[in-house]
């Protein structure tokens, strides 16, 4: 439905909404609302409410990362819910706006939940992302520990295990060396003649 949406969202810098990086988005929202509402067009309040979700900086939409598939799927679900709300509540603008507000909150909760889940996954390929702060595109992979903490955790676990094994080997070597020297000292003591002085 909104095919020009961002491939994925990066950390929201100073509350910036990544969806503002697409100037075409405003026209797409207007087009979708026009089709959903029909002629003469949606009420201004409805249009402003949906525009505020996608185009204004807000505090409740702060996804760190989203891939394109999840974003498009959730946006399609959101506009399906908007369409149902318009069909059933078209004549009561106040209730319609309350329903849209509820769906906006559910939409952002789902995006935040998906974003948290994506951060925990171990992504094997490079991912195209956009910085919310300056709308520039970057390519990230799981070599970036802020993007893939799950992989970083496994690397850390491996490093801790290797370090522990190395420390145990050093301690074992030290114990063996001490035991061997003590054994040699006992052998020398037994091999040497004991001289008793009176």
N, C-alpha and C. Protein backbone atom coordinates (compact mmCIF):
# COMPACT_ATOMS: atom_id res chain seq x y z
N UNK A 1 0.83 -1.18 0.00
CA UNK A 1 0.00 0.00 0.00
C UNK A 1 0.87 1.25 0.00
N UNK A 2 1.75 1.35 0.92
CA UNK A 2 2.67 2.49 0.96
C UNK A 2 4.05 1.98 0.60
N UNK A 3 4.23 1.69 -0.69
CA UNK A 3 5.43 0.98 -1.12
C UNK A 3 6.71 1.78 -1.00
N UNK A 4 6.62 3.09 -0.84
CA UNK A 4 7.84 3.89 -0.74
C UNK A 4 8.31 4.07 0.69
N UNK A 5 7.76 3.27 1.61
CA UNK A 5 8.19 3.39 3.00
C UNK A 5 9.63 2.94 3.16
N UNK A 6 10.19 3.36 4.22
CA UNK A 6 11.60 3.09 4.54
C UNK A 6 11.87 1.61 4.67
N UNK A 7 13.06 1.20 4.27
CA UNK A 7 13.43 -0.21 4.39
C UNK A 7 13.56 -0.57 5.85
N UNK A 8 14.22 0.23 6.62
CA UNK A 8 14.15 0.03 8.08
C UNK A 8 14.54 1.30 8.79
N UNK A 9 14.22 1.36 10.06
CA UNK A 9 14.41 2.57 10.84
C UNK A 9 15.57 2.40 11.79
N UNK A 10 16.38 3.43 11.91
CA UNK A 10 17.50 3.43 12.85
C UNK A 10 17.12 4.19 14.11
N UNK A 11 18.01 4.24 15.07
CA UNK A 11 17.65 4.90 16.33
C UNK A 11 17.10 6.30 16.12
N UNK A 12 15.98 6.56 16.75
CA UNK A 12 15.36 7.86 16.63
C UNK A 12 16.19 8.87 17.40
N UNK A 13 16.77 9.80 16.71
CA UNK A 13 17.62 10.80 17.32
C UNK A 13 16.75 11.99 17.71
N UNK A 14 16.75 12.35 18.96
CA UNK A 14 16.02 13.49 19.48
C UNK A 14 14.53 13.40 19.13
N UNK A 15 13.95 12.21 19.17
CA UNK A 15 12.53 12.04 18.92
C UNK A 15 12.13 12.15 17.46
N UNK A 16 13.07 12.08 16.54
CA UNK A 16 12.75 12.20 15.12
C UNK A 16 12.04 10.94 14.64
N UNK A 17 11.02 11.13 13.82
CA UNK A 17 10.29 10.03 13.22
C UNK A 17 10.91 9.74 11.87
N UNK A 18 11.36 8.50 11.66
CA UNK A 18 12.03 8.15 10.41
C UNK A 18 11.12 8.28 9.20
N UNK A 19 9.83 8.20 9.39
CA UNK A 19 8.93 8.27 8.25
C UNK A 19 8.95 9.65 7.59
N UNK A 20 9.48 10.64 8.27
CA UNK A 20 9.56 11.98 7.68
C UNK A 20 10.60 12.05 6.57
N UNK A 21 11.42 11.01 6.42
CA UNK A 21 12.47 11.01 5.41
C UNK A 21 11.92 10.81 4.00
N UNK A 22 10.62 10.57 3.86
CA UNK A 22 10.03 10.38 2.54
C UNK A 22 9.01 11.46 2.25
N UNK A 23 9.40 12.45 1.47
CA UNK A 23 8.47 13.55 1.17
C UNK A 23 7.24 13.07 0.40
N UNK A 24 7.34 11.96 -0.34
CA UNK A 24 6.21 11.45 -1.11
C UNK A 24 5.13 10.84 -0.21
N UNK A 25 5.48 10.56 1.03
CA UNK A 25 4.57 9.87 1.92
C UNK A 25 3.29 10.66 2.17
N UNK A 26 3.39 11.96 2.27
CA UNK A 26 2.21 12.79 2.51
C UNK A 26 1.18 12.60 1.40
N UNK A 27 1.64 12.62 0.16
CA UNK A 27 0.73 12.44 -0.98
C UNK A 27 0.13 11.03 -0.97
N UNK A 28 0.93 10.03 -0.60
CA UNK A 28 0.41 8.66 -0.54
C UNK A 28 -0.67 8.51 0.54
N UNK A 29 -0.46 9.15 1.68
CA UNK A 29 -1.46 9.10 2.75
C UNK A 29 -2.75 9.77 2.29
N UNK A 30 -2.62 10.95 1.67
CA UNK A 30 -3.80 11.65 1.17
C UNK A 30 -4.55 10.79 0.15
N UNK A 31 -3.80 10.14 -0.74
CA UNK A 31 -4.41 9.29 -1.76
C UNK A 31 -5.16 8.12 -1.12
N UNK A 32 -4.51 7.45 -0.17
CA UNK A 32 -5.16 6.32 0.51
C UNK A 32 -6.41 6.76 1.26
N UNK A 33 -6.34 7.88 1.96
CA UNK A 33 -7.51 8.36 2.68
C UNK A 33 -8.64 8.75 1.74
N UNK A 34 -8.30 9.34 0.60
CA UNK A 34 -9.31 9.71 -0.39
C UNK A 34 -10.04 8.47 -0.90
N UNK A 35 -9.27 7.41 -1.15
CA UNK A 35 -9.88 6.16 -1.63
C UNK A 35 -10.73 5.52 -0.53
N UNK A 36 -10.23 5.50 0.70
CA UNK A 36 -10.97 4.89 1.79
C UNK A 36 -12.24 5.66 2.14
N UNK A 37 -12.19 6.98 2.09
CA UNK A 37 -13.34 7.80 2.47
C UNK A 37 -14.31 7.98 1.32
N UNK A 38 -13.76 8.15 0.12
CA UNK A 38 -14.60 8.44 -1.04
C UNK A 38 -14.76 9.94 -1.20
N UNK A 39 -15.62 10.35 -2.11
CA UNK A 39 -15.83 11.78 -2.35
C UNK A 39 -16.77 12.31 -1.29
N UNK A 40 -16.65 13.50 -0.83
CA UNK A 40 -15.77 14.60 -1.23
C UNK A 40 -14.40 14.56 -0.59
N UNK A 41 -14.08 13.53 0.18
CA UNK A 41 -12.77 13.44 0.83
C UNK A 41 -12.93 13.34 2.33
N UNK A 42 -11.89 12.91 3.01
CA UNK A 42 -11.98 12.72 4.47
C UNK A 42 -12.03 14.05 5.20
N UNK A 43 -12.56 14.04 6.42
CA UNK A 43 -12.53 15.26 7.23
C UNK A 43 -11.09 15.68 7.51
N UNK A 44 -10.88 16.95 7.65
CA UNK A 44 -9.54 17.48 7.89
C UNK A 44 -8.92 16.88 9.15
N UNK A 45 -9.73 16.71 10.19
CA UNK A 45 -9.21 16.17 11.45
C UNK A 45 -8.66 14.76 11.28
N UNK A 46 -9.35 13.94 10.48
CA UNK A 46 -8.89 12.57 10.23
C UNK A 46 -7.57 12.59 9.48
N UNK A 47 -7.51 13.40 8.46
CA UNK A 47 -6.27 13.51 7.68
C UNK A 47 -5.11 13.99 8.55
N UNK A 48 -5.36 15.00 9.37
CA UNK A 48 -4.31 15.52 10.25
C UNK A 48 -3.86 14.48 11.28
N UNK A 49 -4.81 13.72 11.79
CA UNK A 49 -4.48 12.69 12.78
C UNK A 49 -3.54 11.64 12.20
N UNK A 50 -3.83 11.18 11.00
CA UNK A 50 -2.98 10.16 10.38
C UNK A 50 -1.66 10.76 9.92
N UNK A 51 -1.69 11.98 9.41
CA UNK A 51 -0.43 12.64 9.03
C UNK A 51 0.47 12.81 10.24
N UNK A 52 -0.11 13.10 11.40
CA UNK A 52 0.72 13.30 12.60
C UNK A 52 1.45 12.03 12.98
N UNK A 53 0.83 10.88 12.77
CA UNK A 53 1.48 9.61 13.09
C UNK A 53 2.69 9.38 12.20
N UNK A 54 2.53 9.62 10.92
CA UNK A 54 3.59 9.27 9.97
C UNK A 54 4.60 10.37 9.71
N UNK A 55 4.21 11.63 9.85
CA UNK A 55 5.09 12.69 9.38
C UNK A 55 5.63 13.61 10.46
N UNK A 56 5.02 13.64 11.63
CA UNK A 56 5.51 14.53 12.68
C UNK A 56 6.38 13.74 13.65
N UNK A 57 7.27 14.46 14.32
CA UNK A 57 8.08 13.83 15.36
C UNK A 57 7.17 13.58 16.55
N UNK A 58 7.24 12.36 17.07
CA UNK A 58 6.42 12.04 18.22
C UNK A 58 7.21 11.16 19.17
N UNK A 59 6.76 11.11 20.39
CA UNK A 59 7.49 10.38 21.43
C UNK A 59 7.11 8.92 21.53
N UNK A 60 5.92 8.55 21.03
CA UNK A 60 5.51 7.17 21.22
C UNK A 60 5.96 6.27 20.09
N UNK A 61 6.41 6.80 18.96
CA UNK A 61 6.92 5.98 17.87
C UNK A 61 8.44 6.11 17.84
N UNK A 62 9.11 5.18 18.51
CA UNK A 62 10.57 5.23 18.57
C UNK A 62 11.16 3.87 18.23
N UNK A 63 10.87 3.34 17.05
CA UNK A 63 11.48 2.06 16.70
C UNK A 63 12.96 2.25 16.40
N UNK A 64 13.77 1.34 16.90
CA UNK A 64 15.19 1.42 16.63
C UNK A 64 15.50 0.83 15.26
N UNK A 65 14.92 -0.32 14.98
CA UNK A 65 15.16 -0.99 13.72
C UNK A 65 13.87 -1.64 13.24
N UNK A 66 13.60 -1.54 11.96
CA UNK A 66 12.50 -2.26 11.35
C UNK A 66 12.91 -2.66 9.95
N UNK A 67 12.55 -3.87 9.56
CA UNK A 67 12.81 -4.23 8.18
C UNK A 67 11.59 -3.88 7.35
N UNK A 68 11.77 -3.85 6.06
CA UNK A 68 10.73 -3.38 5.15
C UNK A 68 9.48 -4.24 5.22
N UNK A 69 9.65 -5.55 5.28
CA UNK A 69 8.48 -6.43 5.30
C UNK A 69 7.58 -6.17 6.50
N UNK A 70 8.19 -6.06 7.68
CA UNK A 70 7.39 -5.80 8.88
C UNK A 70 6.70 -4.44 8.80
N UNK A 71 7.43 -3.44 8.33
CA UNK A 71 6.86 -2.10 8.26
C UNK A 71 5.68 -2.06 7.30
N UNK A 72 5.83 -2.66 6.12
CA UNK A 72 4.73 -2.67 5.15
C UNK A 72 3.54 -3.47 5.67
N UNK A 73 3.82 -4.60 6.32
CA UNK A 73 2.74 -5.43 6.85
C UNK A 73 1.95 -4.68 7.92
N UNK A 74 2.65 -4.04 8.84
CA UNK A 74 1.96 -3.32 9.92
C UNK A 74 1.22 -2.09 9.39
N UNK A 75 1.79 -1.42 8.38
CA UNK A 75 1.12 -0.27 7.78
C UNK A 75 -0.15 -0.72 7.07
N UNK A 76 -0.08 -1.85 6.37
CA UNK A 76 -1.27 -2.38 5.70
C UNK A 76 -2.35 -2.72 6.72
N UNK A 77 -1.95 -3.34 7.84
CA UNK A 77 -2.92 -3.65 8.90
C UNK A 77 -3.55 -2.37 9.45
N UNK A 78 -2.71 -1.34 9.64
CA UNK A 78 -3.21 -0.08 10.17
C UNK A 78 -4.25 0.53 9.23
N UNK A 79 -3.96 0.57 7.93
CA UNK A 79 -4.91 1.17 7.00
C UNK A 79 -6.15 0.29 6.82
N UNK A 80 -6.03 -1.01 7.02
CA UNK A 80 -7.22 -1.88 7.02
C UNK A 80 -8.11 -1.53 8.20
N UNK A 81 -7.51 -1.29 9.37
CA UNK A 81 -8.28 -0.90 10.55
C UNK A 81 -8.90 0.48 10.36
N UNK A 82 -8.17 1.39 9.72
CA UNK A 82 -8.71 2.72 9.42
C UNK A 82 -9.92 2.57 8.50
N UNK A 83 -9.80 1.71 7.50
CA UNK A 83 -10.90 1.49 6.56
C UNK A 83 -12.14 0.95 7.28
N UNK A 84 -11.96 -0.02 8.17
CA UNK A 84 -13.09 -0.57 8.94
C UNK A 84 -13.72 0.51 9.83
N UNK A 85 -12.87 1.32 10.45
CA UNK A 85 -13.38 2.39 11.31
C UNK A 85 -14.18 3.40 10.50
N UNK A 86 -13.69 3.73 9.31
CA UNK A 86 -14.41 4.68 8.45
C UNK A 86 -15.76 4.10 8.04
N UNK A 87 -15.79 2.81 7.70
CA UNK A 87 -17.05 2.19 7.26
C UNK A 87 -18.08 2.18 8.38
N UNK A 88 -17.65 1.91 9.61
CA UNK A 88 -18.63 1.78 10.70
C UNK A 88 -18.91 3.09 11.43
N UNK A 89 -17.96 4.01 11.46
CA UNK A 89 -18.12 5.23 12.28
C UNK A 89 -18.10 6.51 11.45
N UNK A 90 -18.35 6.42 10.19
CA UNK A 90 -18.28 7.56 9.28
C UNK A 90 -19.12 8.75 9.75
N UNK A 91 -20.27 8.48 10.32
CA UNK A 91 -21.19 9.56 10.68
C UNK A 91 -20.89 10.22 12.02
N UNK A 92 -20.07 9.60 12.85
CA UNK A 92 -19.74 10.16 14.17
C UNK A 92 -18.24 10.47 14.21
N UNK A 93 -17.92 11.70 13.84
CA UNK A 93 -16.52 12.09 13.69
C UNK A 93 -15.73 11.97 15.00
N UNK A 94 -16.33 12.30 16.12
CA UNK A 94 -15.62 12.24 17.41
C UNK A 94 -15.24 10.81 17.75
N UNK A 95 -16.18 9.89 17.61
CA UNK A 95 -15.90 8.48 17.90
C UNK A 95 -14.90 7.93 16.89
N UNK A 96 -15.02 8.34 15.64
CA UNK A 96 -14.08 7.91 14.60
C UNK A 96 -12.66 8.33 14.94
N UNK A 97 -12.48 9.57 15.37
CA UNK A 97 -11.14 10.05 15.72
C UNK A 97 -10.59 9.32 16.94
N UNK A 98 -11.45 8.99 17.91
CA UNK A 98 -11.01 8.21 19.07
C UNK A 98 -10.57 6.81 18.64
N UNK A 99 -11.32 6.22 17.72
CA UNK A 99 -10.98 4.89 17.21
C UNK A 99 -9.65 4.93 16.45
N UNK A 100 -9.45 5.96 15.64
CA UNK A 100 -8.20 6.11 14.90
C UNK A 100 -7.04 6.30 15.87
N UNK A 101 -7.24 7.08 16.92
CA UNK A 101 -6.20 7.29 17.93
C UNK A 101 -5.81 5.96 18.58
N UNK A 102 -6.82 5.14 18.89
CA UNK A 102 -6.54 3.83 19.50
C UNK A 102 -5.72 2.97 18.52
N UNK A 103 -6.10 2.97 17.24
CA UNK A 103 -5.38 2.17 16.25
C UNK A 103 -3.96 2.70 16.03
N UNK A 104 -3.78 4.01 16.14
CA UNK A 104 -2.42 4.58 16.05
C UNK A 104 -1.55 4.06 17.19
N UNK A 105 -2.10 4.02 18.39
CA UNK A 105 -1.33 3.51 19.53
C UNK A 105 -0.99 2.04 19.37
N UNK A 106 -1.96 1.25 18.91
CA UNK A 106 -1.70 -0.17 18.67
C UNK A 106 -0.63 -0.36 17.59
N UNK A 107 -0.70 0.45 16.55
CA UNK A 107 0.27 0.39 15.46
C UNK A 107 1.69 0.65 15.98
N UNK A 108 1.83 1.69 16.78
CA UNK A 108 3.17 2.02 17.29
C UNK A 108 3.65 0.97 18.30
N UNK A 109 2.75 0.41 19.10
CA UNK A 109 3.14 -0.66 20.02
C UNK A 109 3.66 -1.87 19.26
N UNK A 110 2.96 -2.23 18.17
CA UNK A 110 3.41 -3.38 17.37
C UNK A 110 4.76 -3.10 16.73
N UNK A 111 4.96 -1.88 16.21
CA UNK A 111 6.25 -1.55 15.61
C UNK A 111 7.37 -1.60 16.64
N UNK A 112 7.12 -1.09 17.82
CA UNK A 112 8.14 -1.13 18.87
C UNK A 112 8.46 -2.57 19.28
N UNK A 113 7.43 -3.41 19.37
CA UNK A 113 7.64 -4.81 19.73
C UNK A 113 8.43 -5.54 18.65
N UNK A 114 8.08 -5.31 17.39
CA UNK A 114 8.81 -5.94 16.29
C UNK A 114 10.25 -5.47 16.27
N UNK A 115 10.45 -4.19 16.53
CA UNK A 115 11.80 -3.63 16.55
C UNK A 115 12.64 -4.29 17.64
N UNK A 116 12.06 -4.46 18.82
CA UNK A 116 12.79 -5.12 19.91
C UNK A 116 13.15 -6.55 19.53
N UNK A 117 12.22 -7.25 18.89
CA UNK A 117 12.48 -8.63 18.46
C UNK A 117 13.57 -8.70 17.42
N UNK A 118 13.59 -7.75 16.50
CA UNK A 118 14.60 -7.74 15.45
C UNK A 118 15.99 -7.49 16.02
N UNK A 119 16.07 -6.65 17.05
CA UNK A 119 17.37 -6.38 17.67
C UNK A 119 17.95 -7.62 18.32
N UNK A 120 17.09 -8.54 18.76
CA UNK A 120 17.56 -9.75 19.42
C UNK A 120 17.94 -10.86 18.44
N UNK A 121 17.55 -10.71 17.18
CA UNK A 121 17.86 -11.75 16.19
C UNK A 121 19.30 -11.62 15.73
N UNK A 122 19.82 -12.72 15.24
CA UNK A 122 21.16 -12.74 14.67
C UNK A 122 21.01 -12.70 13.15
N UNK A 123 21.15 -11.54 12.57
CA UNK A 123 20.95 -11.37 11.13
C UNK A 123 22.25 -11.69 10.42
N UNK A 124 22.18 -12.59 9.44
CA UNK A 124 23.38 -13.06 8.76
C UNK A 124 23.80 -12.15 7.60
N UNK A 125 22.87 -11.43 7.02
CA UNK A 125 23.20 -10.64 5.84
C UNK A 125 23.28 -9.16 6.18
N UNK A 126 23.79 -8.39 5.23
CA UNK A 126 23.86 -6.94 5.40
C UNK A 126 22.47 -6.36 5.18
N UNK A 127 22.10 -5.36 5.95
CA UNK A 127 20.77 -4.78 5.90
C UNK A 127 20.87 -3.31 5.55
N UNK A 128 20.02 -2.87 4.65
CA UNK A 128 19.99 -1.46 4.26
C UNK A 128 19.11 -0.72 5.26
N UNK A 129 19.67 0.32 5.88
CA UNK A 129 18.94 1.08 6.89
C UNK A 129 19.07 2.57 6.61
N UNK A 130 18.18 3.34 7.22
CA UNK A 130 18.21 4.78 7.06
C UNK A 130 18.33 5.44 8.42
N UNK A 131 19.19 6.42 8.51
CA UNK A 131 19.37 7.14 9.77
C UNK A 131 18.24 8.14 9.94
N UNK A 132 17.58 8.11 11.07
CA UNK A 132 16.47 9.02 11.32
C UNK A 132 16.94 10.47 11.45
N UNK A 133 18.15 10.65 11.93
CA UNK A 133 18.64 12.00 12.19
C UNK A 133 18.86 12.79 10.91
N UNK A 134 19.44 12.14 9.87
CA UNK A 134 19.76 12.88 8.66
C UNK A 134 19.20 12.26 7.38
N UNK A 135 18.41 11.21 7.49
CA UNK A 135 17.78 10.52 6.36
C UNK A 135 18.78 9.94 5.37
N UNK A 136 19.99 9.64 5.79
CA UNK A 136 20.97 9.01 4.92
C UNK A 136 20.86 7.49 5.02
N UNK A 137 21.16 6.82 3.90
CA UNK A 137 21.09 5.36 3.85
C UNK A 137 22.46 4.77 4.16
N UNK A 138 22.47 3.71 4.97
CA UNK A 138 23.69 3.00 5.34
C UNK A 138 23.44 1.51 5.20
N UNK A 139 24.52 0.74 5.14
CA UNK A 139 24.42 -0.71 5.13
C UNK A 139 25.04 -1.25 6.41
N UNK A 140 24.27 -2.00 7.17
CA UNK A 140 24.75 -2.55 8.43
C UNK A 140 24.69 -4.07 8.38
N UNK A 141 25.58 -4.68 9.11
CA UNK A 141 25.54 -6.13 9.27
C UNK A 141 25.67 -6.43 10.75
N UNK A 142 25.72 -7.70 11.07
CA UNK A 142 25.83 -8.07 12.48
C UNK A 142 27.24 -7.90 13.02
N UNK A 143 28.12 -7.31 12.25
CA UNK A 143 29.42 -6.95 12.81
C UNK A 143 29.28 -5.71 13.68
N UNK A 144 28.14 -5.06 13.60
CA UNK A 144 27.85 -3.90 14.43
C UNK A 144 27.13 -4.37 15.69
N UNK A 145 27.79 -4.33 16.87
CA UNK A 145 27.17 -4.88 18.07
C UNK A 145 25.91 -4.14 18.52
N UNK A 146 25.74 -2.88 18.12
CA UNK A 146 24.52 -2.18 18.50
C UNK A 146 23.34 -2.66 17.69
N UNK A 147 23.60 -3.21 16.52
CA UNK A 147 22.54 -3.70 15.65
C UNK A 147 22.17 -5.14 15.97
N UNK A 148 23.14 -5.94 16.35
CA UNK A 148 22.88 -7.36 16.64
C UNK A 148 23.46 -7.75 18.00
N UNK A 149 22.82 -7.35 19.09
CA UNK A 149 23.35 -7.71 20.39
C UNK A 149 23.34 -9.22 20.63
N UNK A 150 22.47 -9.97 19.96
CA UNK A 150 22.44 -11.42 20.15
C UNK A 150 23.75 -12.04 19.68
N UNK A 151 24.26 -11.61 18.56
CA UNK A 151 25.52 -12.13 18.05
C UNK A 151 26.67 -11.67 18.94
N UNK A 152 26.63 -10.42 19.37
CA UNK A 152 27.67 -9.89 20.24
C UNK A 152 27.71 -10.67 21.55
N UNK A 153 26.56 -11.06 22.06
CA UNK A 153 26.49 -11.83 23.30
C UNK A 153 27.17 -13.18 23.12
N UNK A 154 26.93 -13.84 21.98
CA UNK A 154 27.57 -15.14 21.74
C UNK A 154 29.08 -14.98 21.60
N UNK A 155 29.53 -13.92 20.95
CA UNK A 155 30.95 -13.67 20.83
C UNK A 155 31.55 -13.44 22.21
N UNK A 156 30.87 -12.68 23.03
CA UNK A 156 31.35 -12.43 24.40
C UNK A 156 31.41 -13.72 25.20
N UNK A 157 30.41 -14.56 25.06
CA UNK A 157 30.39 -15.84 25.77
C UNK A 157 31.58 -16.70 25.34
N UNK A 158 31.85 -16.72 24.06
CA UNK A 158 32.98 -17.49 23.53
C UNK A 158 34.30 -16.94 24.09
N UNK A 159 34.45 -15.61 24.10
CA UNK A 159 35.67 -14.99 24.61
C UNK A 159 35.86 -15.27 26.10
N UNK A 160 34.79 -15.21 26.88
CA UNK A 160 34.88 -15.50 28.31
C UNK A 160 35.25 -16.96 28.53
N UNK A 161 34.66 -17.86 27.75
CA UNK A 161 34.99 -19.29 27.88
C UNK A 161 36.45 -19.54 27.56
N UNK A 162 36.95 -18.95 26.48
CA UNK A 162 38.34 -19.13 26.09
C UNK A 162 39.28 -18.55 27.15
N UNK A 163 38.95 -17.38 27.67
CA UNK A 163 39.78 -16.76 28.72
C UNK A 163 39.80 -17.62 29.97
N UNK A 164 38.66 -18.17 30.35
CA UNK A 164 38.60 -19.04 31.53
C UNK A 164 39.44 -20.28 31.33
N UNK A 165 39.35 -20.88 30.14
CA UNK A 165 40.15 -22.08 29.85
C UNK A 165 41.64 -21.76 29.91
N UNK A 166 42.03 -20.61 29.38
CA UNK A 166 43.43 -20.19 29.40
C UNK A 166 43.91 -19.99 30.84
N UNK A 167 43.11 -19.34 31.66
CA UNK A 167 43.49 -19.13 33.07
C UNK A 167 43.60 -20.45 33.82
N UNK A 168 42.68 -21.38 33.55
CA UNK A 168 42.76 -22.70 34.18
C UNK A 168 44.01 -23.44 33.73
N UNK A 169 44.37 -23.33 32.45
CA UNK A 169 45.58 -23.99 31.95
C UNK A 169 46.82 -23.40 32.62
N UNK A 170 46.86 -22.09 32.78
CA UNK A 170 48.01 -21.44 33.44
C UNK A 170 48.08 -21.88 34.90
N UNK A 171 46.94 -21.90 35.58
CA UNK A 171 46.92 -22.33 36.99
C UNK A 171 47.34 -23.80 37.09
N UNK A 172 46.85 -24.63 36.20
CA UNK A 172 47.22 -26.05 36.20
C UNK A 172 48.71 -26.23 35.93
N UNK A 173 49.23 -25.46 34.98
CA UNK A 173 50.67 -25.51 34.68
C UNK A 173 51.49 -25.08 35.88
N UNK A 174 51.05 -24.05 36.57
CA UNK A 174 51.76 -23.59 37.77
C UNK A 174 51.75 -24.64 38.87
N UNK A 175 50.60 -25.27 39.07
CA UNK A 175 50.51 -26.34 40.08
C UNK A 175 51.42 -27.51 39.71
N UNK A 176 51.42 -27.88 38.43
CA UNK A 176 52.28 -28.98 37.99
C UNK A 176 53.75 -28.62 38.21
N UNK A 177 54.15 -27.40 37.87
CA UNK A 177 55.53 -26.96 38.05
C UNK A 177 55.92 -27.02 39.52
N UNK A 178 55.05 -26.53 40.40
CA UNK A 178 55.31 -26.55 41.84
C UNK A 178 55.43 -27.98 42.34
N UNK A 179 54.52 -28.86 41.92
CA UNK A 179 54.54 -30.26 42.32
C UNK A 179 55.81 -30.95 41.82
N UNK A 180 56.22 -30.67 40.57
CA UNK A 180 57.41 -31.28 39.98
C UNK A 180 58.67 -30.84 40.73
N UNK A 181 58.78 -29.56 41.08
CA UNK A 181 59.95 -29.06 41.82
C UNK A 181 60.01 -29.69 43.21
N UNK A 182 58.85 -29.83 43.84
CA UNK A 182 58.82 -30.44 45.16
C UNK A 182 59.25 -31.90 45.07
N UNK A 183 58.82 -32.60 44.05
CA UNK A 183 59.19 -34.00 43.85
C UNK A 183 60.69 -34.12 43.61
N UNK A 184 61.26 -33.22 42.81
CA UNK A 184 62.70 -33.20 42.55
C UNK A 184 63.47 -32.94 43.84
N UNK A 185 62.98 -32.03 44.65
CA UNK A 185 63.65 -31.72 45.92
C UNK A 185 63.64 -32.94 46.84
N UNK A 186 62.53 -33.68 46.86
CA UNK A 186 62.45 -34.89 47.69
C UNK A 186 63.42 -35.93 47.17
N UNK A 187 63.54 -36.09 45.84
CA UNK A 187 64.47 -37.05 45.26
C UNK A 187 65.91 -36.69 45.62
N UNK A 188 66.24 -35.43 45.52
CA UNK A 188 67.60 -35.00 45.85
C UNK A 188 67.89 -35.24 47.32
N UNK A 189 66.91 -35.01 48.14
CA UNK A 189 67.09 -35.21 49.57
C UNK A 189 67.31 -36.69 49.88
N UNK A 190 66.58 -37.55 49.21
CA UNK A 190 66.74 -38.99 49.44
C UNK A 190 68.06 -39.50 48.85
N UNK A 191 68.53 -38.95 47.77
CA UNK A 191 69.77 -39.40 47.13
C UNK A 191 71.02 -38.88 47.81
N UNK A 192 70.96 -37.85 48.52
CA UNK A 192 72.16 -37.29 49.15
C UNK A 192 72.39 -37.97 50.50
N UNK A 193 73.70 -38.20 50.88
CA UNK A 193 73.99 -38.83 52.17
C UNK A 193 73.65 -37.86 53.30
N UNK A 194 73.04 -38.43 54.28
CA UNK A 194 72.69 -37.61 55.44
C UNK A 194 73.88 -37.55 56.37
N UNK A 195 74.27 -36.41 56.69
CA UNK A 195 75.39 -36.22 57.60
C UNK A 195 74.81 -35.75 58.92
N UNK A 196 75.12 -36.52 59.93
CA UNK A 196 74.64 -36.17 61.25
C UNK A 196 75.78 -35.56 62.03
N UNK A 197 75.56 -34.49 62.54
CA UNK A 197 76.59 -33.84 63.35
C UNK A 197 76.23 -33.99 64.81
N UNK A 198 77.27 -34.19 65.56
CA UNK A 198 77.06 -34.32 66.99
C UNK A 198 77.41 -33.08 67.70
